[in-house]
Amino acid sequence: MIKNNIKEFRAKHNMKQDDLAKLVGVRRETIGNLEKGRYNPSLVLAWNIAKVFNASIEDIFTVTDE
């Protein structure tokens, strides 16, 4: 399972789901589903999200054995 800290990173950057979605080229619903763990991102999407926040993929996404 992949867990993420997208919501926390958005809060630090005062960013709405829609803002992030536009920056990475997806719909707002995709960001919401990522945050809720309903959707696992492609490697490209994970990389693009990390790039927006000037962070590493590992800072935002973690893999668990659950």
PDB file of N, CA and C in Angstrom:
ATOM      1  N   MET A   1       0.843  -1.177   0.000  1.00  0.00           N
ATOM      2  CA  MET A   1       0.000   0.000   0.000  1.00  0.00           C
ATOM      3  C   MET A   1       0.893   1.248   0.000  1.00  0.00           C
ATOM      4  N   ILE A   2       0.457   2.267  -0.708  1.00  0.00           N
ATOM      5  CA  ILE A   2       1.201   3.521  -0.754  1.00  0.00           C
ATOM      6  C   ILE A   2       0.450   4.565   0.067  1.00  0.00           C
ATOM      7  N   LYS A   3       1.140   5.147   1.021  1.00  0.00           N
ATOM      8  CA  LYS A   3       0.574   6.245   1.805  1.00  0.00           C
ATOM      9  C   LYS A   3       1.249   7.531   1.355  1.00  0.00           C
ATOM     10  N   ASN A   4       0.578   8.655   1.608  1.00  0.00           N
ATOM     11  CA  ASN A   4       1.175   9.910   1.156  1.00  0.00           C
ATOM     12  C   ASN A   4       0.919  11.044   2.140  1.00  0.00           C
ATOM     13  N   ASN A   5       1.691  12.104   1.952  1.00  0.00           N
ATOM     14  CA  ASN A   5       1.595  13.320   2.758  1.00  0.00           C
ATOM     15  C   ASN A   5       1.186  14.510   1.898  1.00  0.00           C
ATOM     16  N   ILE A   6       0.440  14.263   0.838  1.00  0.00           N
ATOM     17  CA  ILE A   6       0.084  15.342  -0.082  1.00  0.00           C
ATOM     18  C   ILE A   6      -0.686  16.441   0.638  1.00  0.00           C
ATOM     19  N   LYS A   7      -1.652  16.062   1.450  1.00  0.00           N
ATOM     20  CA  LYS A   7      -2.476  17.056   2.140  1.00  0.00           C
ATOM     21  C   LYS A   7      -1.614  17.962   3.027  1.00  0.00           C
ATOM     22  N   GLU A   8      -0.662  17.383   3.722  1.00  0.00           N
ATOM     23  CA  GLU A   8       0.219  18.159   4.586  1.00  0.00           C
ATOM     24  C   GLU A   8       1.094  19.109   3.771  1.00  0.00           C
ATOM     25  N   PHE A   9       1.629  18.626   2.654  1.00  0.00           N
ATOM     26  CA  PHE A   9       2.446  19.479   1.798  1.00  0.00           C
ATOM     27  C   PHE A   9       1.614  20.609   1.203  1.00  0.00           C
ATOM     28  N   ARG A  10       0.365  20.298   0.808  1.00  0.00           N
ATOM     29  CA  ARG A  10      -0.504  21.356   0.286  1.00  0.00           C
ATOM     30  C   ARG A  10      -0.756  22.419   1.346  1.00  0.00           C
ATOM     31  N   ALA A  11      -0.993  21.984   2.576  1.00  0.00           N
ATOM     32  CA  ALA A  11      -1.265  22.927   3.670  1.00  0.00           C
ATOM     33  C   ALA A  11      -0.056  23.840   3.904  1.00  0.00           C
ATOM     34  N   LYS A  12       1.142  23.264   3.889  1.00  0.00           N
ATOM     35  CA  LYS A  12       2.364  24.061   4.086  1.00  0.00           C
ATOM     36  C   LYS A  12       2.522  25.119   3.002  1.00  0.00           C
ATOM     37  N   HIS A  13       2.061  24.792   1.798  1.00  0.00           N
ATOM     38  CA  HIS A  13       2.207  25.701   0.654  1.00  0.00           C
ATOM     39  C   HIS A  13       0.928  26.488   0.373  1.00  0.00           C
ATOM     40  N   ASN A  14      -0.039  26.407   1.301  1.00  0.00           N
ATOM     41  CA  ASN A  14      -1.306  27.135   1.152  1.00  0.00           C
ATOM     42  C   ASN A  14      -1.915  26.897  -0.228  1.00  0.00           C
ATOM     43  N   MET A  15      -2.036  25.630  -0.571  1.00  0.00           N
ATOM     44  CA  MET A  15      -2.481  25.234  -1.903  1.00  0.00           C
ATOM     45  C   MET A  15      -3.743  24.381  -1.800  1.00  0.00           C
ATOM     46  N   LYS A  16      -4.684  24.620  -2.679  1.00  0.00           N
ATOM     47  CA  LYS A  16      -5.911  23.822  -2.751  1.00  0.00           C
ATOM     48  C   LYS A  16      -5.674  22.625  -3.673  1.00  0.00           C
ATOM     49  N   GLN A  17      -6.554  21.637  -3.565  1.00  0.00           N
ATOM     50  CA  GLN A  17      -6.458  20.468  -4.446  1.00  0.00           C
ATOM     51  C   GLN A  17      -6.479  20.884  -5.907  1.00  0.00           C
ATOM     52  N   ASP A  18      -7.329  21.827  -6.238  1.00  0.00           N
ATOM     53  CA  ASP A  18      -7.453  22.282  -7.622  1.00  0.00           C
ATOM     54  C   ASP A  18      -6.158  22.921  -8.116  1.00  0.00           C
ATOM     55  N   ASP A  19      -5.490  23.670  -7.251  1.00  0.00           N
ATOM     56  CA  ASP A  19      -4.219  24.307  -7.626  1.00  0.00           C
ATOM     57  C   ASP A  19      -3.176  23.256  -7.983  1.00  0.00           C
ATOM     58  N   LEU A  20      -3.047  22.251  -7.110  1.00  0.00           N
ATOM     59  CA  LEU A  20      -2.073  21.186  -7.359  1.00  0.00           C
ATOM     60  C   LEU A  20      -2.434  20.402  -8.617  1.00  0.00           C
ATOM     61  N   ALA A  21      -3.713  20.109  -8.769  1.00  0.00           N
ATOM     62  CA  ALA A  21      -4.161  19.362  -9.947  1.00  0.00           C
ATOM     63  C   ALA A  21      -3.768  20.072 -11.238  1.00  0.00           C
ATOM     64  N   LYS A  22      -3.977  21.375 -11.290  1.00  0.00           N
ATOM     65  CA  LYS A  22      -3.626  22.133 -12.490  1.00  0.00           C
ATOM     66  C   LYS A  22      -2.123  22.093 -12.749  1.00  0.00           C
ATOM     67  N   LEU A  23      -1.327  22.169 -11.685  1.00  0.00           N
ATOM     68  CA  LEU A  23       0.131  22.170 -11.845  1.00  0.00           C
ATOM     69  C   LEU A  23       0.673  20.834 -12.353  1.00  0.00           C
ATOM     70  N   VAL A  24       0.002  19.739 -12.017  1.00  0.00           N
ATOM     71  CA  VAL A  24       0.500  18.422 -12.435  1.00  0.00           C
ATOM     72  C   VAL A  24      -0.308  17.803 -13.567  1.00  0.00           C
ATOM     73  N   GLY A  25      -1.347  18.500 -14.028  1.00  0.00           N
ATOM     74  CA  GLY A  25      -2.085  18.059 -15.204  1.00  0.00           C
ATOM     75  C   GLY A  25      -3.093  16.948 -14.968  1.00  0.00           C
ATOM     76  N   VAL A  26      -3.742  16.956 -13.793  1.00  0.00           N
ATOM     77  CA  VAL A  26      -4.795  15.980 -13.515  1.00  0.00           C
ATOM     78  C   VAL A  26      -6.029  16.723 -13.014  1.00  0.00           C
ATOM     79  N   ARG A  27      -7.124  15.984 -12.798  1.00  0.00           N
ATOM     80  CA  ARG A  27      -8.336  16.596 -12.257  1.00  0.00           C
ATOM     81  C   ARG A  27      -8.246  16.704 -10.747  1.00  0.00           C
ATOM     82  N   ARG A  28      -8.997  17.619 -10.170  1.00  0.00           N
ATOM     83  CA  ARG A  28      -9.012  17.803  -8.724  1.00  0.00           C
ATOM     84  C   ARG A  28      -9.402  16.514  -8.020  1.00  0.00           C
ATOM     85  N   GLU A  29     -10.332  15.769  -8.618  1.00  0.00           N
ATOM     86  CA  GLU A  29     -10.787  14.514  -8.029  1.00  0.00           C
ATOM     87  C   GLU A  29      -9.640  13.514  -7.887  1.00  0.00           C
ATOM     88  N   THR A  30      -8.710  13.540  -8.815  1.00  0.00           N
ATOM     89  CA  THR A  30      -7.552  12.644  -8.745  1.00  0.00           C
ATOM     90  C   THR A  30      -6.716  12.958  -7.508  1.00  0.00           C
ATOM     91  N   ILE A  31      -6.500  14.232  -7.241  1.00  0.00           N
ATOM     92  CA  ILE A  31      -5.740  14.622  -6.053  1.00  0.00           C
ATOM     93  C   ILE A  31      -6.485  14.183  -4.795  1.00  0.00           C
ATOM     94  N   GLY A  32      -7.784  14.390  -4.754  1.00  0.00           N
ATOM     95  CA  GLY A  32      -8.586  13.958  -3.614  1.00  0.00           C
ATOM     96  C   GLY A  32      -8.506  12.457  -3.397  1.00  0.00           C
ATOM     97  N   ASN A  33      -8.586  11.701  -4.485  1.00  0.00           N
ATOM     98  CA  ASN A  33      -8.496  10.238  -4.379  1.00  0.00           C
ATOM     99  C   ASN A  33      -7.108   9.786  -3.941  1.00  0.00           C
ATOM    100  N   LEU A  34      -6.076  10.482  -4.385  1.00  0.00           N
ATOM    101  CA  LEU A  34      -4.721  10.173  -3.923  1.00  0.00           C
ATOM    102  C   LEU A  34      -4.614  10.395  -2.420  1.00  0.00           C
ATOM    103  N   GLU A  35      -5.104  11.531  -1.960  1.00  0.00           N
ATOM    104  CA  GLU A  35      -5.006  11.868  -0.539  1.00  0.00           C
ATOM    105  C   GLU A  35      -5.758  10.868   0.336  1.00  0.00           C
ATOM    106  N   LYS A  36      -6.858  10.343  -0.167  1.00  0.00           N
ATOM    107  CA  LYS A  36      -7.663   9.380   0.594  1.00  0.00           C
ATOM    108  C   LYS A  36      -7.168   7.942   0.440  1.00  0.00           C
ATOM    109  N   GLY A  37      -6.142   7.735  -0.363  1.00  0.00           N
ATOM    110  CA  GLY A  37      -5.601   6.394  -0.546  1.00  0.00           C
ATOM    111  C   GLY A  37      -6.407   5.516  -1.472  1.00  0.00           C
ATOM    112  N   ARG A  38      -7.287   6.110  -2.243  1.00  0.00           N
ATOM    113  CA  ARG A  38      -8.127   5.344  -3.179  1.00  0.00           C
ATOM    114  C   ARG A  38      -7.443   5.094  -4.511  1.00  0.00           C
ATOM    115  N   TYR A  39      -6.323   5.766  -4.723  1.00  0.00           N
ATOM    116  CA  TYR A  39      -5.662   5.728  -6.024  1.00  0.00           C
ATOM    117  C   TYR A  39      -4.158   5.784  -5.801  1.00  0.00           C
ATOM    118  N   ASN A  40      -3.422   4.929  -6.491  1.00  0.00           N
ATOM    119  CA  ASN A  40      -1.965   4.973  -6.444  1.00  0.00           C
ATOM    120  C   ASN A  40      -1.463   5.712  -7.679  1.00  0.00           C
ATOM    121  N   PRO A  41      -0.569   6.654  -7.496  1.00  0.00           N
ATOM    122  CA  PRO A  41      -0.112   7.447  -8.633  1.00  0.00           C
ATOM    123  C   PRO A  41       0.851   6.674  -9.528  1.00  0.00           C
ATOM    124  N   SER A  42       0.905   7.089 -10.768  1.00  0.00           N
ATOM    125  CA  SER A  42       1.955   6.582 -11.646  1.00  0.00           C
ATOM    126  C   SER A  42       3.270   7.189 -11.163  1.00  0.00           C
ATOM    127  N   LEU A  43       4.359   6.635 -11.603  1.00  0.00           N
ATOM    128  CA  LEU A  43       5.665   7.175 -11.223  1.00  0.00           C
ATOM    129  C   LEU A  43       5.810   8.615 -11.713  1.00  0.00           C
ATOM    130  N   VAL A  44       5.333   8.888 -12.905  1.00  0.00           N
ATOM    131  CA  VAL A  44       5.424  10.241 -13.459  1.00  0.00           C
ATOM    132  C   VAL A  44       4.614  11.225 -12.624  1.00  0.00           C
ATOM    133  N   LEU A  45       3.399  10.844 -12.233  1.00  0.00           N
ATOM    134  CA  LEU A  45       2.576  11.728 -11.416  1.00  0.00           C
ATOM    135  C   LEU A  45       3.220  11.954 -10.055  1.00  0.00           C
ATOM    136  N   ALA A  46       3.737  10.905  -9.431  1.00  0.00           N
ATOM    137  CA  ALA A  46       4.414  11.055  -8.139  1.00  0.00           C
ATOM    138  C   ALA A  46       5.606  11.994  -8.267  1.00  0.00           C
ATOM    139  N   TRP A  47       6.375  11.840  -9.326  1.00  0.00           N
ATOM    140  CA  TRP A  47       7.535  12.696  -9.568  1.00  0.00           C
ATOM    141  C   TRP A  47       7.105  14.148  -9.765  1.00  0.00           C
ATOM    142  N   ASN A  48       6.036  14.368 -10.539  1.00  0.00           N
ATOM    143  CA  ASN A  48       5.555  15.723 -10.782  1.00  0.00           C
ATOM    144  C   ASN A  48       5.042  16.386  -9.505  1.00  0.00           C
ATOM    145  N   ILE A  49       4.359  15.638  -8.671  1.00  0.00           N
ATOM    146  CA  ILE A  49       3.879  16.180  -7.399  1.00  0.00           C
ATOM    147  C   ILE A  49       5.061  16.556  -6.518  1.00  0.00           C
ATOM    148  N   ALA A  50       6.040  15.679  -6.430  1.00  0.00           N
ATOM    149  CA  ALA A  50       7.230  15.965  -5.630  1.00  0.00           C
ATOM    150  C   ALA A  50       7.944  17.215  -6.148  1.00  0.00           C
ATOM    151  N   LYS A  51       8.011  17.357  -7.461  1.00  0.00           N
ATOM    152  CA  LYS A  51       8.679  18.504  -8.066  1.00  0.00           C
ATOM    153  C   LYS A  51       7.973  19.805  -7.705  1.00  0.00           C
ATOM    154  N   VAL A  52       6.650  19.813  -7.683  1.00  0.00           N
ATOM    155  CA  VAL A  52       5.885  21.006  -7.314  1.00  0.00           C
ATOM    156  C   VAL A  52       6.281  21.481  -5.917  1.00  0.00           C
ATOM    157  N   PHE A  53       6.483  20.531  -4.997  1.00  0.00           N
ATOM    158  CA  PHE A  53       6.804  20.869  -3.618  1.00  0.00           C
ATOM    159  C   PHE A  53       8.305  20.924  -3.350  1.00  0.00           C
ATOM    160  N   ASN A  54       9.111  20.770  -4.393  1.00  0.00           N
ATOM    161  CA  ASN A  54      10.570  20.776  -4.257  1.00  0.00           C
ATOM    162  C   ASN A  54      11.004  19.760  -3.194  1.00  0.00           C
ATOM    163  N   ALA A  55      10.442  18.569  -3.292  1.00  0.00           N
ATOM    164  CA  ALA A  55      10.708  17.494  -2.335  1.00  0.00           C
ATOM    165  C   ALA A  55      11.034  16.222  -3.102  1.00  0.00           C
ATOM    166  N   SER A  56      11.509  15.223  -2.384  1.00  0.00           N
ATOM    167  CA  SER A  56      11.740  13.930  -3.029  1.00  0.00           C
ATOM    168  C   SER A  56      10.448  13.123  -3.009  1.00  0.00           C
ATOM    169  N   ILE A  57      10.351  12.173  -3.888  1.00  0.00           N
ATOM    170  CA  ILE A  57       9.175  11.302  -3.915  1.00  0.00           C
ATOM    171  C   ILE A  57       9.019  10.615  -2.556  1.00  0.00           C
ATOM    172  N   GLU A  58      10.136  10.217  -1.965  1.00  0.00           N
ATOM    173  CA  GLU A  58      10.102   9.521  -0.675  1.00  0.00           C
ATOM    174  C   GLU A  58       9.591  10.413   0.457  1.00  0.00           C
ATOM    175  N   ASP A  59       9.743  11.735   0.318  1.00  0.00           N
ATOM    176  CA  ASP A  59       9.217  12.658   1.335  1.00  0.00           C
ATOM    177  C   ASP A  59       7.689  12.671   1.317  1.00  0.00           C
ATOM    178  N   ILE A  60       7.115  12.424   0.159  1.00  0.00           N
ATOM    179  CA  ILE A  60       5.666  12.526  -0.008  1.00  0.00           C
ATOM    180  C   ILE A  60       4.990  11.166   0.012  1.00  0.00           C
ATOM    181  N   PHE A  61       5.600  10.169  -0.584  1.00  0.00           N
ATOM    182  CA  PHE A  61       5.000   8.841  -0.698  1.00  0.00           C
ATOM    183  C   PHE A  61       5.830   7.803   0.050  1.00  0.00           C
ATOM    184  N   THR A  62       5.146   6.934   0.791  1.00  0.00           N
ATOM    185  CA  THR A  62       5.815   5.820   1.466  1.00  0.00           C
ATOM    186  C   THR A  62       5.065   4.534   1.157  1.00  0.00           C
ATOM    187  N   VAL A  63       5.796   3.449   1.062  1.00  0.00           N
ATOM    188  CA  VAL A  63       5.197   2.142   0.799  1.00  0.00           C
ATOM    189  C   VAL A  63       5.168   1.376   2.113  1.00  0.00           C
ATOM    190  N   THR A  64       4.000   0.820   2.417  1.00  0.00           N
ATOM    191  CA  THR A  64       3.843   0.017   3.639  1.00  0.00           C
ATOM    192  C   THR A  64       3.457  -1.412   3.266  1.00  0.00           C
ATOM    193  N   ASP A  65       3.602  -2.314   4.213  1.00  0.00           N
ATOM    194  CA  ASP A  65       3.284  -3.715   3.965  1.00  0.00           C
ATOM    195  C   ASP A  65       1.838  -4.071   4.260  1.00  0.00           C
ATOM    196  N   GLU A  66       1.009  -3.103   4.526  1.00  0.00           N
ATOM    197  CA  GLU A  66      -0.403  -3.353   4.882  1.00  0.00           C
ATOM    198  C   GLU A  66      -1.189  -3.943   3.753  1.00  0.00           C
TER     199      GLU A  66
END
